[in-house]
Amino acid sequence: MTIDKARRAKLVPITLGESGDQVWFVDCGEGYFLKSGAAGSLVRAAEMTRYFHGKGLGAQVLDYASKERDWLLTAKVPGEASCAAKYLEQPQRLCDILAEQLVMLHSLDYTDCPVNHTAKYLAGAERNYRTGNYVSSHFPDSFGYVSAEEALQVIQAKGHLLQADTLVHGDYCLPNVMLDNWAFSGFIDLGDGGVGDRHVDIFWALWSLGYNLKTDKHRQRFIDAYGRENIDDERLQVIAAAEVFG
């Protein structure tokens, strides 16, 4: 399957977030996903998806092209996203498997990973501050920060605490962790992946559990399952500050 063939096949539109990217399910054969974005915007997604696939953790990249727009074609990962109703109906079991898979990911060798997530992450937060990209509306409590200036002060004072010593997904939310009848089958949407600080993934796992389950009462279970001793509240505070800038 190539991008040209996929574009001529039956395409089912999919809505994903607010990034401006377009995603379609290609309804033929075993199924594929076709993603399109602004020129140059999917190069990291293609690179990191190939990298994760090489470790048996993600979809196969079948084609990538960058012209007037970027196009990325991947194979379908078996199963469903972990935000599917049948998984949400067993929240404790879901917490445990999400923590288990995150521990697995964070234990992997990352020395050949081509992307430094932490450097891009902090630079991106400060750049978005300067351009006024403060997205507190996505997070009603602003993570405790009353203004963009307060969040920036935390980044500038404590950003040095973030490490680049772990392979991270970068957007470890329930829709991006695929399960096949409760068995882990792979990660998707890897455009924010790289070598970074594990607290980025921990932060998003906790946020996504609360968002998808509509309660924070399972937060402590996830923390215990991941390993409370491996979580640094100060680094989570920095991540929370960076995330209000998108």
C-alpha atoms as a PDB file:
ATOM      1  CA  MET A   1       0.000   0.000   0.000  1.00  0.00           C
ATOM      2  CA  THR A   2       1.254   3.486  -0.915  1.00  0.00           C
ATOM      3  CA  ILE A   3      -0.070   6.956  -0.157  1.00  0.00           C
ATOM      4  CA  ASP A   4      -1.372   7.346  -3.718  1.00  0.00           C
ATOM      5  CA  LYS A   5      -3.248   4.042  -3.543  1.00  0.00           C
ATOM      6  CA  ALA A   6      -4.605   4.861  -0.095  1.00  0.00           C
ATOM      7  CA  ARG A   7      -5.983   8.210  -1.296  1.00  0.00           C
ATOM      8  CA  ARG A   8      -7.923   6.386  -4.018  1.00  0.00           C
ATOM      9  CA  ALA A   9      -9.377   3.851  -1.570  1.00  0.00           C
ATOM     10  CA  LYS A  10     -12.437   4.205   0.666  1.00  0.00           C
ATOM     11  CA  LEU A  11     -11.469   6.770   3.316  1.00  0.00           C
ATOM     12  CA  VAL A  12     -13.341   7.127   6.602  1.00  0.00           C
ATOM     13  CA  PRO A  13     -12.631  10.516   8.279  1.00  0.00           C
ATOM     14  CA  ILE A  14     -11.489  10.446  11.913  1.00  0.00           C
ATOM     15  CA  THR A  15     -11.449  13.440  14.247  1.00  0.00           C
ATOM     16  CA  LEU A  16      -8.375  13.622  16.497  1.00  0.00           C
ATOM     17  CA  GLY A  17      -7.691  16.610  18.746  1.00  0.00           C
ATOM     18  CA  GLU A  18      -7.086  20.156  17.576  1.00  0.00           C
ATOM     19  CA  SER A  19      -3.706  19.897  15.865  1.00  0.00           C
ATOM     20  CA  GLY A  20      -5.077  20.700  12.426  1.00  0.00           C
ATOM     21  CA  ASP A  21      -3.959  17.318  11.087  1.00  0.00           C
ATOM     22  CA  GLN A  22      -6.403  15.235   9.094  1.00  0.00           C
ATOM     23  CA  VAL A  23      -6.686  11.484   9.714  1.00  0.00           C
ATOM     24  CA  TRP A  24      -8.548   8.836   7.735  1.00  0.00           C
ATOM     25  CA  PHE A  25      -9.067   5.122   8.182  1.00  0.00           C
ATOM     26  CA  VAL A  26      -8.342   3.390   4.884  1.00  0.00           C
ATOM     27  CA  ASP A  27     -11.050   0.745   4.654  1.00  0.00           C
ATOM     28  CA  CYS A  28      -9.433  -1.970   2.581  1.00  0.00           C
ATOM     29  CA  GLY A  29      -7.378  -5.070   3.254  1.00  0.00           C
ATOM     30  CA  GLU A  30      -6.454  -5.271   6.930  1.00  0.00           C
ATOM     31  CA  GLY A  31      -6.996  -1.532   7.307  1.00  0.00           C
ATOM     32  CA  TYR A  32      -4.569   1.392   7.330  1.00  0.00           C
ATOM     33  CA  PHE A  33      -4.394   4.929   8.686  1.00  0.00           C
ATOM     34  CA  LEU A  34      -3.570   7.934   6.531  1.00  0.00           C
ATOM     35  CA  LYS A  35      -2.578  11.206   8.179  1.00  0.00           C
ATOM     36  CA  SER A  36      -1.989  14.582   6.560  1.00  0.00           C
ATOM     37  CA  GLY A  37      -0.552  17.780   8.022  1.00  0.00           C
ATOM     38  CA  ALA A  38       1.290  20.950   7.116  1.00  0.00           C
ATOM     39  CA  ALA A  39       4.543  20.529   5.200  1.00  0.00           C
ATOM     40  CA  GLY A  40       7.221  19.200   7.548  1.00  0.00           C
ATOM     41  CA  SER A  41       4.835  18.637  10.441  1.00  0.00           C
ATOM     42  CA  LEU A  42       4.847  14.819  10.342  1.00  0.00           C
ATOM     43  CA  VAL A  43       8.552  14.128   9.895  1.00  0.00           C
ATOM     44  CA  ARG A  44       9.036  13.436  13.618  1.00  0.00           C
ATOM     45  CA  ALA A  45       5.903  11.275  13.717  1.00  0.00           C
ATOM     46  CA  ALA A  46       7.241   9.176  10.832  1.00  0.00           C
ATOM     47  CA  GLU A  47      10.683   8.902  12.436  1.00  0.00           C
ATOM     48  CA  MET A  48       9.421   7.928  15.876  1.00  0.00           C
ATOM     49  CA  THR A  49       6.759   5.551  14.541  1.00  0.00           C
ATOM     50  CA  ARG A  50       9.484   3.711  12.621  1.00  0.00           C
ATOM     51  CA  TYR A  51      11.606   3.663  15.766  1.00  0.00           C
ATOM     52  CA  PHE A  52       8.824   2.256  17.960  1.00  0.00           C
ATOM     53  CA  HIS A  53       7.895  -0.285  15.282  1.00  0.00           C
ATOM     54  CA  GLY A  54      11.514  -1.453  15.290  1.00  0.00           C
ATOM     55  CA  LYS A  55      11.069  -2.275  18.968  1.00  0.00           C
ATOM     56  CA  GLY A  56       7.793  -4.088  18.313  1.00  0.00           C
ATOM     57  CA  LEU A  57       5.769  -1.331  19.976  1.00  0.00           C
ATOM     58  CA  GLY A  58       4.070   0.542  17.144  1.00  0.00           C
ATOM     59  CA  ALA A  59       2.573   0.483  13.696  1.00  0.00           C
ATOM     60  CA  GLN A  60       4.582  -0.143  10.552  1.00  0.00           C
ATOM     61  CA  VAL A  61       5.186   2.973   8.464  1.00  0.00           C
ATOM     62  CA  LEU A  62       4.256   2.054   4.901  1.00  0.00           C
ATOM     63  CA  ASP A  63       4.849   5.407   3.224  1.00  0.00           C
ATOM     64  CA  TYR A  64       5.779   8.985   4.050  1.00  0.00           C
ATOM     65  CA  ALA A  65       5.884  11.986   1.734  1.00  0.00           C
ATOM     66  CA  SER A  66       6.488  15.679   2.284  1.00  0.00           C
ATOM     67  CA  LYS A  67       5.541  18.109  -0.485  1.00  0.00           C
ATOM     68  CA  GLU A  68       2.921  20.869  -0.259  1.00  0.00           C
ATOM     69  CA  ARG A  69       1.611  18.826   2.683  1.00  0.00           C
ATOM     70  CA  ASP A  70       2.954  15.903   4.693  1.00  0.00           C
ATOM     71  CA  TRP A  71       1.380  12.455   4.292  1.00  0.00           C
ATOM     72  CA  LEU A  72       1.965   9.472   6.582  1.00  0.00           C
ATOM     73  CA  LEU A  73       0.533   6.010   5.930  1.00  0.00           C
ATOM     74  CA  THR A  74       0.702   3.338   8.634  1.00  0.00           C
ATOM     75  CA  ALA A  75      -0.632  -0.153   9.153  1.00  0.00           C
ATOM     76  CA  LYS A  76      -3.420  -0.701  11.661  1.00  0.00           C
ATOM     77  CA  VAL A  77      -2.441  -1.780  15.178  1.00  0.00           C
ATOM     78  CA  PRO A  78      -4.704  -4.654  16.344  1.00  0.00           C
ATOM     79  CA  GLY A  79      -7.418  -4.046  18.905  1.00  0.00           C
ATOM     80  CA  GLU A  80      -8.925  -0.840  20.208  1.00  0.00           C
ATOM     81  CA  ALA A  81      -7.751   2.243  22.042  1.00  0.00           C
ATOM     82  CA  SER A  82      -7.730   1.793  25.806  1.00  0.00           C
ATOM     83  CA  CYS A  83     -10.439   4.460  26.102  1.00  0.00           C
ATOM     84  CA  ALA A  84     -12.951   2.009  24.562  1.00  0.00           C
ATOM     85  CA  ALA A  85     -16.003   1.463  26.750  1.00  0.00           C
ATOM     86  CA  LYS A  86     -15.171  -2.149  27.602  1.00  0.00           C
ATOM     87  CA  TYR A  87     -11.873  -1.046  29.172  1.00  0.00           C
ATOM     88  CA  LEU A  88     -13.304   1.964  30.974  1.00  0.00           C
ATOM     89  CA  GLU A  89     -15.827  -0.366  32.611  1.00  0.00           C
ATOM     90  CA  GLN A  90     -12.948  -1.946  34.573  1.00  0.00           C
ATOM     91  CA  PRO A  91     -10.971   1.120  35.722  1.00  0.00           C
ATOM     92  CA  GLN A  92      -8.748  -0.615  38.254  1.00  0.00           C
ATOM     93  CA  ARG A  93      -7.632  -3.230  35.759  1.00  0.00           C
ATOM     94  CA  LEU A  94      -7.102  -0.445  33.211  1.00  0.00           C
ATOM     95  CA  CYS A  95      -4.959   1.565  35.650  1.00  0.00           C
ATOM     96  CA  ASP A  96      -2.777  -1.442  36.290  1.00  0.00           C
ATOM     97  CA  ILE A  97      -2.174  -2.303  32.634  1.00  0.00           C
ATOM     98  CA  LEU A  98      -1.451   1.319  31.704  1.00  0.00           C
ATOM     99  CA  ALA A  99       1.086   1.568  34.524  1.00  0.00           C
ATOM    100  CA  GLU A 100       2.589  -1.813  33.596  1.00  0.00           C
ATOM    101  CA  GLN A 101       3.079  -0.791  29.964  1.00  0.00           C
ATOM    102  CA  LEU A 102       4.551   2.549  30.956  1.00  0.00           C
ATOM    103  CA  VAL A 103       7.077   0.860  33.238  1.00  0.00           C
ATOM    104  CA  MET A 104       7.956  -1.432  30.331  1.00  0.00           C
ATOM    105  CA  LEU A 105       8.422   1.506  27.955  1.00  0.00           C
ATOM    106  CA  HIS A 106      10.543   3.444  30.428  1.00  0.00           C
ATOM    107  CA  SER A 107      12.817   0.456  31.006  1.00  0.00           C
ATOM    108  CA  LEU A 108      13.872   0.153  27.355  1.00  0.00           C
ATOM    109  CA  ASP A 109      17.269   1.039  25.940  1.00  0.00           C
ATOM    110  CA  TYR A 110      17.044   4.444  24.251  1.00  0.00           C
ATOM    111  CA  THR A 111      20.642   5.016  23.185  1.00  0.00           C
ATOM    112  CA  ASP A 112      19.819   4.803  19.461  1.00  0.00           C
ATOM    113  CA  CYS A 113      16.746   7.049  19.633  1.00  0.00           C
ATOM    114  CA  PRO A 114      17.088   9.925  17.125  1.00  0.00           C
ATOM    115  CA  VAL A 115      15.060  12.588  18.992  1.00  0.00           C
ATOM    116  CA  ASN A 116      15.839  14.546  22.178  1.00  0.00           C
ATOM    117  CA  HIS A 117      12.377  15.229  23.550  1.00  0.00           C
ATOM    118  CA  THR A 118      13.407  17.318  26.575  1.00  0.00           C
ATOM    119  CA  ALA A 119      15.324  19.956  24.595  1.00  0.00           C
ATOM    120  CA  LYS A 120      12.426  20.431  22.175  1.00  0.00           C
ATOM    121  CA  TYR A 121       9.880  20.366  24.988  1.00  0.00           C
ATOM    122  CA  LEU A 122      11.255  23.199  27.112  1.00  0.00           C
ATOM    123  CA  ALA A 123      12.162  25.337  24.112  1.00  0.00           C
ATOM    124  CA  GLY A 124       8.657  24.846  22.737  1.00  0.00           C
ATOM    125  CA  ALA A 125       7.025  25.915  26.004  1.00  0.00           C
ATOM    126  CA  GLU A 126       8.994  29.166  26.168  1.00  0.00           C
ATOM    127  CA  ARG A 127       8.388  29.855  22.471  1.00  0.00           C
ATOM    128  CA  ASN A 128       4.652  29.362  22.921  1.00  0.00           C
ATOM    129  CA  TYR A 129       4.685  31.699  25.914  1.00  0.00           C
ATOM    130  CA  ARG A 130       6.213  34.435  23.756  1.00  0.00           C
ATOM    131  CA  THR A 131       3.556  33.946  21.061  1.00  0.00           C
ATOM    132  CA  GLY A 132       0.711  33.963  23.580  1.00  0.00           C
ATOM    133  CA  ASN A 133      -0.226  30.316  23.215  1.00  0.00           C
ATOM    134  CA  TYR A 134      -1.597  29.825  26.734  1.00  0.00           C
ATOM    135  CA  VAL A 135      -4.143  26.988  26.663  1.00  0.00           C
ATOM    136  CA  SER A 136      -5.578  27.054  30.156  1.00  0.00           C
ATOM    137  CA  SER A 137      -9.046  26.537  28.657  1.00  0.00           C
ATOM    138  CA  HIS A 138      -8.054  22.929  27.907  1.00  0.00           C
ATOM    139  CA  PHE A 139      -7.415  22.425  31.609  1.00  0.00           C
ATOM    140  CA  PRO A 140      -9.990  24.361  33.654  1.00  0.00           C
ATOM    141  CA  ASP A 141      -7.929  24.499  36.845  1.00  0.00           C
ATOM    142  CA  SER A 142      -4.765  25.561  34.933  1.00  0.00           C
ATOM    143  CA  PHE A 143      -2.948  22.969  37.055  1.00  0.00           C
ATOM    144  CA  GLY A 144      -2.873  25.482  39.871  1.00  0.00           C
ATOM    145  CA  TYR A 145      -1.199  28.260  37.851  1.00  0.00           C
ATOM    146  CA  VAL A 146      -3.168  31.489  37.908  1.00  0.00           C
ATOM    147  CA  SER A 147      -1.380  33.014  34.908  1.00  0.00           C
ATOM    148  CA  ALA A 148       0.982  32.290  32.038  1.00  0.00           C
ATOM    149  CA  GLU A 149       3.652  34.298  33.840  1.00  0.00           C
ATOM    150  CA  GLU A 150       3.453  32.104  36.932  1.00  0.00           C
ATOM    151  CA  ALA A 151       3.781  28.940  34.841  1.00  0.00           C
ATOM    152  CA  LEU A 152       6.774  30.407  32.977  1.00  0.00           C
ATOM    153  CA  GLN A 153       8.495  31.236  36.267  1.00  0.00           C
ATOM    154  CA  VAL A 154       8.243  27.573  37.302  1.00  0.00           C
ATOM    155  CA  ILE A 155       9.752  26.462  33.975  1.00  0.00           C
ATOM    156  CA  GLN A 156      12.626  28.930  34.261  1.00  0.00           C
ATOM    157  CA  ALA A 157      13.320  28.113  37.918  1.00  0.00           C
ATOM    158  CA  LYS A 158      12.951  24.336  37.755  1.00  0.00           C
ATOM    159  CA  GLY A 159      13.227  23.331  34.110  1.00  0.00           C
ATOM    160  CA  HIS A 160      16.765  22.104  34.758  1.00  0.00           C
ATOM    161  CA  LEU A 161      15.270  19.269  36.818  1.00  0.00           C
ATOM    162  CA  LEU A 162      13.928  17.559  33.712  1.00  0.00           C
ATOM    163  CA  GLN A 163      16.087  14.718  32.437  1.00  0.00           C
ATOM    164  CA  ALA A 164      16.686  13.171  29.035  1.00  0.00           C
ATOM    165  CA  ASP A 165      17.216   9.622  30.240  1.00  0.00           C
ATOM    166  CA  THR A 166      14.104   7.671  29.232  1.00  0.00           C
ATOM    167  CA  LEU A 167      12.319   6.643  26.055  1.00  0.00           C
ATOM    168  CA  VAL A 168       8.995   8.471  26.263  1.00  0.00           C
ATOM    169  CA  HIS A 169       5.804   8.363  24.231  1.00  0.00           C
ATOM    170  CA  GLY A 170       5.249  12.082  24.796  1.00  0.00           C
ATOM    171  CA  ASP A 171       1.439  11.876  24.703  1.00  0.00           C
ATOM    172  CA  TYR A 172       0.666   8.872  26.887  1.00  0.00           C
ATOM    173  CA  CYS A 173      -3.111   9.176  26.805  1.00  0.00           C
ATOM    174  CA  LEU A 174      -5.676   6.381  26.704  1.00  0.00           C
ATOM    175  CA  PRO A 175      -6.499   6.898  22.993  1.00  0.00           C
ATOM    176  CA  ASN A 176      -2.831   6.265  22.143  1.00  0.00           C
ATOM    177  CA  VAL A 177      -2.421   2.943  23.978  1.00  0.00           C
ATOM    178  CA  MET A 178      -3.893   0.039  22.018  1.00  0.00           C
ATOM    179  CA  LEU A 179      -5.250  -3.093  23.678  1.00  0.00           C
ATOM    180  CA  ASP A 180      -6.439  -6.297  22.057  1.00  0.00           C
ATOM    181  CA  ASN A 181      -8.795  -8.002  24.516  1.00  0.00           C
ATOM    182  CA  TRP A 182      -6.759  -6.506  27.381  1.00  0.00           C
ATOM    183  CA  ALA A 183      -3.421  -7.535  25.856  1.00  0.00           C
ATOM    184  CA  PHE A 184      -1.158  -4.620  24.939  1.00  0.00           C
ATOM    185  CA  SER A 185      -0.786  -4.404  21.145  1.00  0.00           C
ATOM    186  CA  GLY A 186       1.073  -1.148  20.515  1.00  0.00           C
ATOM    187  CA  PHE A 187       1.348   2.628  20.779  1.00  0.00           C
ATOM    188  CA  ILE A 188       0.027   5.107  18.224  1.00  0.00           C
ATOM    189  CA  ASP A 189       0.346   8.866  17.625  1.00  0.00           C
ATOM    190  CA  LEU A 190       4.072   9.037  18.354  1.00  0.00           C
ATOM    191  CA  GLY A 191       4.862  12.502  17.013  1.00  0.00           C
ATOM    192  CA  ASP A 192       5.866  13.735  20.483  1.00  0.00           C
ATOM    193  CA  GLY A 193       8.107  10.782  21.306  1.00  0.00           C
ATOM    194  CA  GLY A 194      11.835  10.746  21.963  1.00  0.00           C
ATOM    195  CA  VAL A 195      14.392  10.614  24.743  1.00  0.00           C
ATOM    196  CA  GLY A 196      12.994  12.653  27.587  1.00  0.00           C
ATOM    197  CA  ASP A 197      11.815  12.788  31.161  1.00  0.00           C
ATOM    198  CA  ARG A 198       9.504   9.990  32.275  1.00  0.00           C
ATOM    199  CA  HIS A 199       7.307  12.491  34.094  1.00  0.00           C
ATOM    200  CA  VAL A 200       5.896  13.709  30.764  1.00  0.00           C
ATOM    201  CA  ASP A 201       4.275  10.302  30.283  1.00  0.00           C
ATOM    202  CA  ILE A 202       3.272  10.025  33.933  1.00  0.00           C
ATOM    203  CA  PHE A 203       1.616  13.430  33.784  1.00  0.00           C
ATOM    204  CA  TRP A 204      -0.426  12.576  30.693  1.00  0.00           C
ATOM    205  CA  ALA A 205      -1.387   9.138  32.000  1.00  0.00           C
ATOM    206  CA  LEU A 206      -2.789  10.700  35.168  1.00  0.00           C
ATOM    207  CA  TRP A 207      -4.562  13.467  33.260  1.00  0.00           C
ATOM    208  CA  SER A 208      -6.040  11.058  30.717  1.00  0.00           C
ATOM    209  CA  LEU A 209      -7.286   8.629  33.354  1.00  0.00           C
ATOM    210  CA  GLY A 210      -9.074  11.471  35.106  1.00  0.00           C
ATOM    211  CA  TYR A 211     -10.472  12.836  31.847  1.00  0.00           C
ATOM    212  CA  ASN A 212     -11.676   9.539  30.420  1.00  0.00           C
ATOM    213  CA  LEU A 213     -12.950   8.037  33.669  1.00  0.00           C
ATOM    214  CA  LYS A 214     -14.398  11.405  34.761  1.00  0.00           C
ATOM    215  CA  THR A 215     -12.907  11.020  38.228  1.00  0.00           C
ATOM    216  CA  ASP A 216      -9.497  11.276  39.901  1.00  0.00           C
ATOM    217  CA  LYS A 217     -10.202   8.545  42.430  1.00  0.00           C
ATOM    218  CA  HIS A 218      -7.954   6.080  40.555  1.00  0.00           C
ATOM    219  CA  ARG A 219      -4.958   8.426  40.497  1.00  0.00           C
ATOM    220  CA  GLN A 220      -3.262   6.895  43.533  1.00  0.00           C
ATOM    221  CA  ARG A 221      -3.746   3.366  42.216  1.00  0.00           C
ATOM    222  CA  PHE A 222      -1.876   4.276  39.027  1.00  0.00           C
ATOM    223  CA  ILE A 223       0.907   5.950  40.999  1.00  0.00           C
ATOM    224  CA  ASP A 224       1.318   2.871  43.198  1.00  0.00           C
ATOM    225  CA  ALA A 225       1.260   0.537  40.192  1.00  0.00           C
ATOM    226  CA  TYR A 226       3.899   2.587  38.364  1.00  0.00           C
ATOM    227  CA  GLY A 227       6.036   2.974  41.475  1.00  0.00           C
ATOM    228  CA  ARG A 228       5.487   5.894  43.797  1.00  0.00           C
ATOM    229  CA  GLU A 229       9.200   5.962  44.631  1.00  0.00           C
ATOM    230  CA  ASN A 230       9.970   6.733  40.965  1.00  0.00           C
ATOM    231  CA  ILE A 231       7.783   9.841  40.786  1.00  0.00           C
ATOM    232  CA  ASP A 232       9.136  13.290  41.645  1.00  0.00           C
ATOM    233  CA  ASP A 233       6.435  15.871  42.406  1.00  0.00           C
ATOM    234  CA  GLU A 234       8.720  18.784  41.500  1.00  0.00           C
ATOM    235  CA  ARG A 235       9.273  17.436  38.013  1.00  0.00           C
ATOM    236  CA  LEU A 236       5.536  16.863  37.601  1.00  0.00           C
ATOM    237  CA  GLN A 237       5.098  20.505  38.564  1.00  0.00           C
ATOM    238  CA  VAL A 238       7.426  21.558  35.738  1.00  0.00           C
ATOM    239  CA  ILE A 239       5.565  19.361  33.245  1.00  0.00           C
ATOM    240  CA  ALA A 240       2.260  20.883  34.356  1.00  0.00           C
ATOM    241  CA  ALA A 241       3.699  24.374  33.798  1.00  0.00           C
ATOM    242  CA  ALA A 242       4.981  23.487  30.329  1.00  0.00           C
ATOM    243  CA  GLU A 243       1.715  21.900  29.245  1.00  0.00           C
ATOM    244  CA  VAL A 244      -0.366  25.044  29.720  1.00  0.00           C
ATOM    245  CA  PHE A 245       1.559  26.392  26.728  1.00  0.00           C
ATOM    246  CA  GLY A 246       0.487  23.557  24.468  1.00  0.00           C
END
